[in-house]
């Protein structure tokens, strides 16, 4: 499964919960959230656009950083 790295502007402890919630609803993903560096690493067969749009549903700024 491809692994992708994203930046998500997470300013407090609730932000990782929001990211986890939207990714779990998407399904078919495994992910790690690194709060101190504002990064989310995702293993998924979903397209980068789908993953990025899903992360943006948190209401936080998000961008694709590249393959991990």
PDB file of N, CA and C in Angstrom:
ATOM      1  N   UNK A   1       0.832  -1.174   0.000  1.00  0.00           N
ATOM      2  CA  UNK A   1       0.000   0.000   0.000  1.00  0.00           C
ATOM      3  C   UNK A   1       0.887   1.251   0.000  1.00  0.00           C
ATOM      4  N   UNK A   2       0.595   2.214  -0.853  1.00  0.00           N
ATOM      5  CA  UNK A   2       1.398   3.442  -0.861  1.00  0.00           C
ATOM      6  C   UNK A   2       1.272   4.216   0.453  1.00  0.00           C
ATOM      7  N   UNK A   3       2.350   4.854   0.854  1.00  0.00           N
ATOM      8  CA  UNK A   3       2.351   5.670   2.065  1.00  0.00           C
ATOM      9  C   UNK A   3       2.570   7.124   1.664  1.00  0.00           C
ATOM     10  N   UNK A   4       1.682   7.993   2.153  1.00  0.00           N
ATOM     11  CA  UNK A   4       1.727   9.408   1.814  1.00  0.00           C
ATOM     12  C   UNK A   4       1.848  10.239   3.081  1.00  0.00           C
ATOM     13  N   UNK A   5       2.518  11.384   2.945  1.00  0.00           N
ATOM     14  CA  UNK A   5       2.687  12.283   4.082  1.00  0.00           C
ATOM     15  C   UNK A   5       1.962  13.603   3.802  1.00  0.00           C
ATOM     16  N   UNK A   6       1.197  14.054   4.794  1.00  0.00           N
ATOM     17  CA  UNK A   6       0.424  15.279   4.674  1.00  0.00           C
ATOM     18  C   UNK A   6       0.743  16.205   5.839  1.00  0.00           C
ATOM     19  N   UNK A   7       0.667  17.505   5.577  1.00  0.00           N
ATOM     20  CA  UNK A   7       0.707  18.513   6.628  1.00  0.00           C
ATOM     21  C   UNK A   7      -0.736  18.837   6.990  1.00  0.00           C
ATOM     22  N   UNK A   8      -1.042  18.859   8.291  1.00  0.00           N
ATOM     23  CA  UNK A   8      -2.353  19.295   8.773  1.00  0.00           C
ATOM     24  C   UNK A   8      -2.093  20.239   9.940  1.00  0.00           C
ATOM     25  N   UNK A   9      -2.626  21.449   9.856  1.00  0.00           N
ATOM     26  CA  UNK A   9      -2.403  22.469  10.876  1.00  0.00           C
ATOM     27  C   UNK A   9      -3.159  22.099  12.158  1.00  0.00           C
ATOM     28  N   UNK A  10      -2.479  21.382  13.046  1.00  0.00           N
ATOM     29  CA  UNK A  10      -3.094  20.900  14.286  1.00  0.00           C
ATOM     30  C   UNK A  10      -2.575  21.735  15.454  1.00  0.00           C
ATOM     31  N   UNK A  11      -3.440  22.585  15.999  1.00  0.00           N
ATOM     32  CA  UNK A  11      -2.994  23.524  17.028  1.00  0.00           C
ATOM     33  C   UNK A  11      -3.292  23.067  18.454  1.00  0.00           C
ATOM     34  N   UNK A  12      -4.128  22.051  18.622  1.00  0.00           N
ATOM     35  CA  UNK A  12      -4.421  21.572  19.976  1.00  0.00           C
ATOM     36  C   UNK A  12      -4.754  20.084  19.949  1.00  0.00           C
ATOM     37  N   UNK A  13      -4.957  19.504  21.113  1.00  0.00           N
ATOM     38  CA  UNK A  13      -5.152  18.053  21.248  1.00  0.00           C
ATOM     39  C   UNK A  13      -6.390  17.517  20.533  1.00  0.00           C
ATOM     40  N   UNK A  14      -7.402  18.358  20.290  1.00  0.00           N
ATOM     41  CA  UNK A  14      -8.610  17.896  19.619  1.00  0.00           C
ATOM     42  C   UNK A  14      -8.416  17.673  18.131  1.00  0.00           C
ATOM     43  N   UNK A  15      -7.422  18.305  17.552  1.00  0.00           N
ATOM     44  CA  UNK A  15      -7.192  18.202  16.107  1.00  0.00           C
ATOM     45  C   UNK A  15      -6.886  16.771  15.640  1.00  0.00           C
ATOM     46  N   UNK A  16      -6.018  16.035  16.336  1.00  0.00           N
ATOM     47  CA  UNK A  16      -5.791  14.653  15.904  1.00  0.00           C
ATOM     48  C   UNK A  16      -7.066  13.811  15.962  1.00  0.00           C
ATOM     49  N   UNK A  17      -7.937  14.094  16.923  1.00  0.00           N
ATOM     50  CA  UNK A  17      -9.199  13.360  16.999  1.00  0.00           C
ATOM     51  C   UNK A  17     -10.058  13.636  15.772  1.00  0.00           C
ATOM     52  N   UNK A  18     -10.076  14.881  15.325  1.00  0.00           N
ATOM     53  CA  UNK A  18     -10.845  15.229  14.127  1.00  0.00           C
ATOM     54  C   UNK A  18     -10.278  14.522  12.900  1.00  0.00           C
ATOM     55  N   UNK A  19      -8.960  14.510  12.774  1.00  0.00           N
ATOM     56  CA  UNK A  19      -8.321  13.820  11.646  1.00  0.00           C
ATOM     57  C   UNK A  19      -8.607  12.326  11.695  1.00  0.00           C
ATOM     58  N   UNK A  20      -8.517  11.735  12.867  1.00  0.00           N
ATOM     59  CA  UNK A  20      -8.804  10.303  13.022  1.00  0.00           C
ATOM     60  C   UNK A  20     -10.237   9.986  12.627  1.00  0.00           C
ATOM     61  N   UNK A  21     -11.157  10.837  13.033  1.00  0.00           N
ATOM     62  CA  UNK A  21     -12.577  10.622  12.752  1.00  0.00           C
ATOM     63  C   UNK A  21     -12.852  10.606  11.246  1.00  0.00           C
ATOM     64  N   UNK A  22     -12.358  11.613  10.513  1.00  0.00           N
ATOM     65  CA  UNK A  22     -12.640  11.663   9.078  1.00  0.00           C
ATOM     66  C   UNK A  22     -11.934  10.538   8.323  1.00  0.00           C
ATOM     67  N   UNK A  23     -10.731  10.171   8.746  1.00  0.00           N
ATOM     68  CA  UNK A  23     -10.016   9.079   8.075  1.00  0.00           C
ATOM     69  C   UNK A  23     -10.676   7.731   8.342  1.00  0.00           C
ATOM     70  N   UNK A  24     -11.152   7.520   9.554  1.00  0.00           N
ATOM     71  CA  UNK A  24     -11.847   6.268   9.868  1.00  0.00           C
ATOM     72  C   UNK A  24     -13.149   6.149   9.089  1.00  0.00           C
ATOM     73  N   UNK A  25     -13.845   7.265   8.873  1.00  0.00           N
ATOM     74  CA  UNK A  25     -15.072   7.242   8.070  1.00  0.00           C
ATOM     75  C   UNK A  25     -14.779   6.902   6.621  1.00  0.00           C
ATOM     76  N   UNK A  26     -13.626   7.334   6.111  1.00  0.00           N
ATOM     77  CA  UNK A  26     -13.234   7.039   4.738  1.00  0.00           C
ATOM     78  C   UNK A  26     -13.022   5.540   4.561  1.00  0.00           C
ATOM     79  N   UNK A  27     -12.387   4.910   5.536  1.00  0.00           N
ATOM     80  CA  UNK A  27     -12.137   3.470   5.484  1.00  0.00           C
ATOM     81  C   UNK A  27     -10.976   3.116   4.574  1.00  0.00           C
ATOM     82  N   UNK A  28     -10.420   1.935   4.797  1.00  0.00           N
ATOM     83  CA  UNK A  28      -9.327   1.442   3.969  1.00  0.00           C
ATOM     84  C   UNK A  28      -8.032   2.202   4.138  1.00  0.00           C
ATOM     85  N   UNK A  29      -7.840   2.794   5.314  1.00  0.00           N
ATOM     86  CA  UNK A  29      -6.622   3.553   5.572  1.00  0.00           C
ATOM     87  C   UNK A  29      -5.987   3.120   6.881  1.00  0.00           C
ATOM     88  N   UNK A  30      -4.679   3.190   6.916  1.00  0.00           N
ATOM     89  CA  UNK A  30      -3.914   3.068   8.151  1.00  0.00           C
ATOM     90  C   UNK A  30      -3.128   4.355   8.256  1.00  0.00           C
ATOM     91  N   UNK A  31      -3.082   4.945   9.449  1.00  0.00           N
ATOM     92  CA  UNK A  31      -2.443   6.250   9.557  1.00  0.00           C
ATOM     93  C   UNK A  31      -1.767   6.436  10.903  1.00  0.00           C
ATOM     94  N   UNK A  32      -0.802   7.345  10.900  1.00  0.00           N
ATOM     95  CA  UNK A  32      -0.097   7.762  12.107  1.00  0.00           C
ATOM     96  C   UNK A  32      -0.152   9.281  12.138  1.00  0.00           C
ATOM     97  N   UNK A  33      -0.460   9.838  13.305  1.00  0.00           N
ATOM     98  CA  UNK A  33      -0.532  11.282  13.456  1.00  0.00           C
ATOM     99  C   UNK A  33       0.607  11.740  14.352  1.00  0.00           C
ATOM    100  N   UNK A  34       1.383  12.704  13.863  1.00  0.00           N
ATOM    101  CA  UNK A  34       2.493  13.280  14.616  1.00  0.00           C
ATOM    102  C   UNK A  34       2.116  14.723  14.950  1.00  0.00           C
ATOM    103  N   UNK A  35       1.502  14.925  16.116  1.00  0.00           N
ATOM    104  CA  UNK A  35       1.009  16.244  16.513  1.00  0.00           C
ATOM    105  C   UNK A  35       2.115  17.296  16.580  1.00  0.00           C
ATOM    106  N   UNK A  36       3.275  17.011  17.186  1.00  0.00           N
ATOM    107  CA  UNK A  36       4.297  18.064  17.275  1.00  0.00           C
ATOM    108  C   UNK A  36       4.775  18.603  15.921  1.00  0.00           C
ATOM    109  N   UNK A  37       4.794  17.751  14.899  1.00  0.00           N
ATOM    110  CA  UNK A  37       5.264  18.209  13.587  1.00  0.00           C
ATOM    111  C   UNK A  37       4.121  18.507  12.617  1.00  0.00           C
ATOM    112  N   UNK A  38       2.862  18.369  13.077  1.00  0.00           N
ATOM    113  CA  UNK A  38       1.684  18.629  12.234  1.00  0.00           C
ATOM    114  C   UNK A  38       1.657  17.747  10.991  1.00  0.00           C
ATOM    115  N   UNK A  39       2.069  16.504  11.125  1.00  0.00           N
ATOM    116  CA  UNK A  39       2.100  15.593   9.976  1.00  0.00           C
ATOM    117  C   UNK A  39       1.200  14.390  10.213  1.00  0.00           C
ATOM    118  N   UNK A  40       0.608  13.917   9.121  1.00  0.00           N
ATOM    119  CA  UNK A  40      -0.194  12.703   9.125  1.00  0.00           C
ATOM    120  C   UNK A  40       0.356  11.815   8.022  1.00  0.00           C
ATOM    121  N   UNK A  41       0.781  10.602   8.384  1.00  0.00           N
ATOM    122  CA  UNK A  41       1.259   9.618   7.417  1.00  0.00           C
ATOM    123  C   UNK A  41       0.159   8.594   7.202  1.00  0.00           C
ATOM    124  N   UNK A  42      -0.196   8.377   5.943  1.00  0.00           N
ATOM    125  CA  UNK A  42      -1.333   7.524   5.613  1.00  0.00           C
ATOM    126  C   UNK A  42      -0.912   6.438   4.630  1.00  0.00           C
ATOM    127  N   UNK A  43      -1.258   5.191   4.975  1.00  0.00           N
ATOM    128  CA  UNK A  43      -1.128   4.055   4.061  1.00  0.00           C
ATOM    129  C   UNK A  43      -2.514   3.817   3.482  1.00  0.00           C
ATOM    130  N   UNK A  44      -2.643   3.925   2.156  1.00  0.00           N
ATOM    131  CA  UNK A  44      -3.964   3.757   1.561  1.00  0.00           C
ATOM    132  C   UNK A  44      -3.862   3.588   0.060  1.00  0.00           C
ATOM    133  N   UNK A  45      -4.843   2.910  -0.500  1.00  0.00           N
ATOM    134  CA  UNK A  45      -4.967   2.787  -1.953  1.00  0.00           C
ATOM    135  C   UNK A  45      -5.792   3.941  -2.522  1.00  0.00           C
ATOM    136  N   UNK A  46      -6.385   4.776  -1.646  1.00  0.00           N
ATOM    137  CA  UNK A  46      -7.143   5.940  -2.110  1.00  0.00           C
ATOM    138  C   UNK A  46      -6.184   6.922  -2.784  1.00  0.00           C
ATOM    139  N   UNK A  47      -6.718   7.741  -3.686  1.00  0.00           N
ATOM    140  CA  UNK A  47      -5.884   8.739  -4.363  1.00  0.00           C
ATOM    141  C   UNK A  47      -5.461   9.830  -3.379  1.00  0.00           C
ATOM    142  N   UNK A  48      -4.384  10.513  -3.715  1.00  0.00           N
ATOM    143  CA  UNK A  48      -3.899  11.631  -2.906  1.00  0.00           C
ATOM    144  C   UNK A  48      -4.993  12.690  -2.792  1.00  0.00           C
ATOM    145  N   UNK A  49      -5.701  12.975  -3.890  1.00  0.00           N
ATOM    146  CA  UNK A  49      -6.770  13.972  -3.856  1.00  0.00           C
ATOM    147  C   UNK A  49      -7.871  13.586  -2.881  1.00  0.00           C
ATOM    148  N   UNK A  50      -8.256  12.321  -2.873  1.00  0.00           N
ATOM    149  CA  UNK A  50      -9.285  11.855  -1.949  1.00  0.00           C
ATOM    150  C   UNK A  50      -8.822  12.003  -0.507  1.00  0.00           C
ATOM    151  N   UNK A  51      -7.575  11.628  -0.242  1.00  0.00           N
ATOM    152  CA  UNK A  51      -7.045  11.729   1.122  1.00  0.00           C
ATOM    153  C   UNK A  51      -6.951  13.190   1.556  1.00  0.00           C
ATOM    154  N   UNK A  52      -6.479  14.060   0.664  1.00  0.00           N
ATOM    155  CA  UNK A  52      -6.341  15.475   0.999  1.00  0.00           C
ATOM    156  C   UNK A  52      -7.711  16.103   1.252  1.00  0.00           C
ATOM    157  N   UNK A  53      -8.678  15.811   0.390  1.00  0.00           N
ATOM    158  CA  UNK A  53     -10.022  16.349   0.583  1.00  0.00           C
ATOM    159  C   UNK A  53     -10.646  15.840   1.879  1.00  0.00           C
ATOM    160  N   UNK A  54     -10.355  14.608   2.240  1.00  0.00           N
ATOM    161  CA  UNK A  54     -10.850  14.050   3.497  1.00  0.00           C
ATOM    162  C   UNK A  54     -10.246  14.788   4.678  1.00  0.00           C
ATOM    163  N   UNK A  55      -8.942  15.027   4.650  1.00  0.00           N
ATOM    164  CA  UNK A  55      -8.293  15.755   5.741  1.00  0.00           C
ATOM    165  C   UNK A  55      -8.807  17.197   5.848  1.00  0.00           C
ATOM    166  N   UNK A  56      -9.140  17.802   4.726  1.00  0.00           N
ATOM    167  CA  UNK A  56      -9.653  19.170   4.745  1.00  0.00           C
ATOM    168  C   UNK A  56     -11.034  19.254   5.381  1.00  0.00           C
ATOM    169  N   UNK A  57     -11.737  18.129   5.474  1.00  0.00           N
ATOM    170  CA  UNK A  57     -13.046  18.109   6.137  1.00  0.00           C
ATOM    171  C   UNK A  57     -12.933  18.415   7.630  1.00  0.00           C
ATOM    172  N   UNK A  58     -11.722  18.381   8.166  1.00  0.00           N
ATOM    173  CA  UNK A  58     -11.524  18.733   9.573  1.00  0.00           C
ATOM    174  C   UNK A  58     -11.651  20.238   9.784  1.00  0.00           C
ATOM    175  N   UNK A  59     -11.612  21.009   8.707  1.00  0.00           N
ATOM    176  CA  UNK A  59     -11.643  22.464   8.807  1.00  0.00           C
ATOM    177  C   UNK A  59     -10.259  23.069   8.999  1.00  0.00           C
ATOM    178  N   UNK A  60      -9.249  22.232   9.005  1.00  0.00           N
ATOM    179  CA  UNK A  60      -7.858  22.686   9.180  1.00  0.00           C
ATOM    180  C   UNK A  60      -7.179  22.789   7.811  1.00  0.00           C
ATOM    181  N   UNK A  61      -6.163  23.656   7.734  1.00  0.00           N
ATOM    182  CA  UNK A  61      -5.351  23.714   6.530  1.00  0.00           C
ATOM    183  C   UNK A  61      -4.626  22.381   6.369  1.00  0.00           C
ATOM    184  N   UNK A  62      -4.628  21.845   5.170  1.00  0.00           N
ATOM    185  CA  UNK A  62      -3.949  20.582   4.900  1.00  0.00           C
ATOM    186  C   UNK A  62      -3.288  20.660   3.533  1.00  0.00           C
ATOM    187  N   UNK A  63      -2.148  20.003   3.395  1.00  0.00           N
ATOM    188  CA  UNK A  63      -1.452  19.940   2.115  1.00  0.00           C
ATOM    189  C   UNK A  63      -0.680  18.633   2.016  1.00  0.00           C
ATOM    190  N   UNK A  64      -0.455  18.230   0.775  1.00  0.00           N
ATOM    191  CA  UNK A  64       0.273  16.992   0.503  1.00  0.00           C
ATOM    192  C   UNK A  64       1.768  17.294   0.493  1.00  0.00           C
ATOM    193  N   UNK A  65       2.535  16.530   1.241  1.00  0.00           N
ATOM    194  CA  UNK A  65       3.986  16.725   1.315  1.00  0.00           C
ATOM    195  C   UNK A  65       4.752  15.779   0.405  1.00  0.00           C
ATOM    196  N   UNK A  66       4.172  14.622   0.087  1.00  0.00           N
ATOM    197  CA  UNK A  66       4.843  13.684  -0.800  1.00  0.00           C
ATOM    198  C   UNK A  66       4.742  12.253  -0.312  1.00  0.00           C
ATOM    199  N   UNK A  67       5.375  11.364  -1.088  1.00  0.00           N
ATOM    200  CA  UNK A  67       5.433   9.954  -0.712  1.00  0.00           C
ATOM    201  C   UNK A  67       6.363   9.807   0.472  1.00  0.00           C
ATOM    202  N   UNK A  68       6.056   8.868   1.321  1.00  0.00           N
ATOM    203  CA  UNK A  68       6.867   8.625   2.520  1.00  0.00           C
ATOM    204  C   UNK A  68       7.723   7.411   2.281  1.00  0.00           C
TER     205      UNK A  68
END
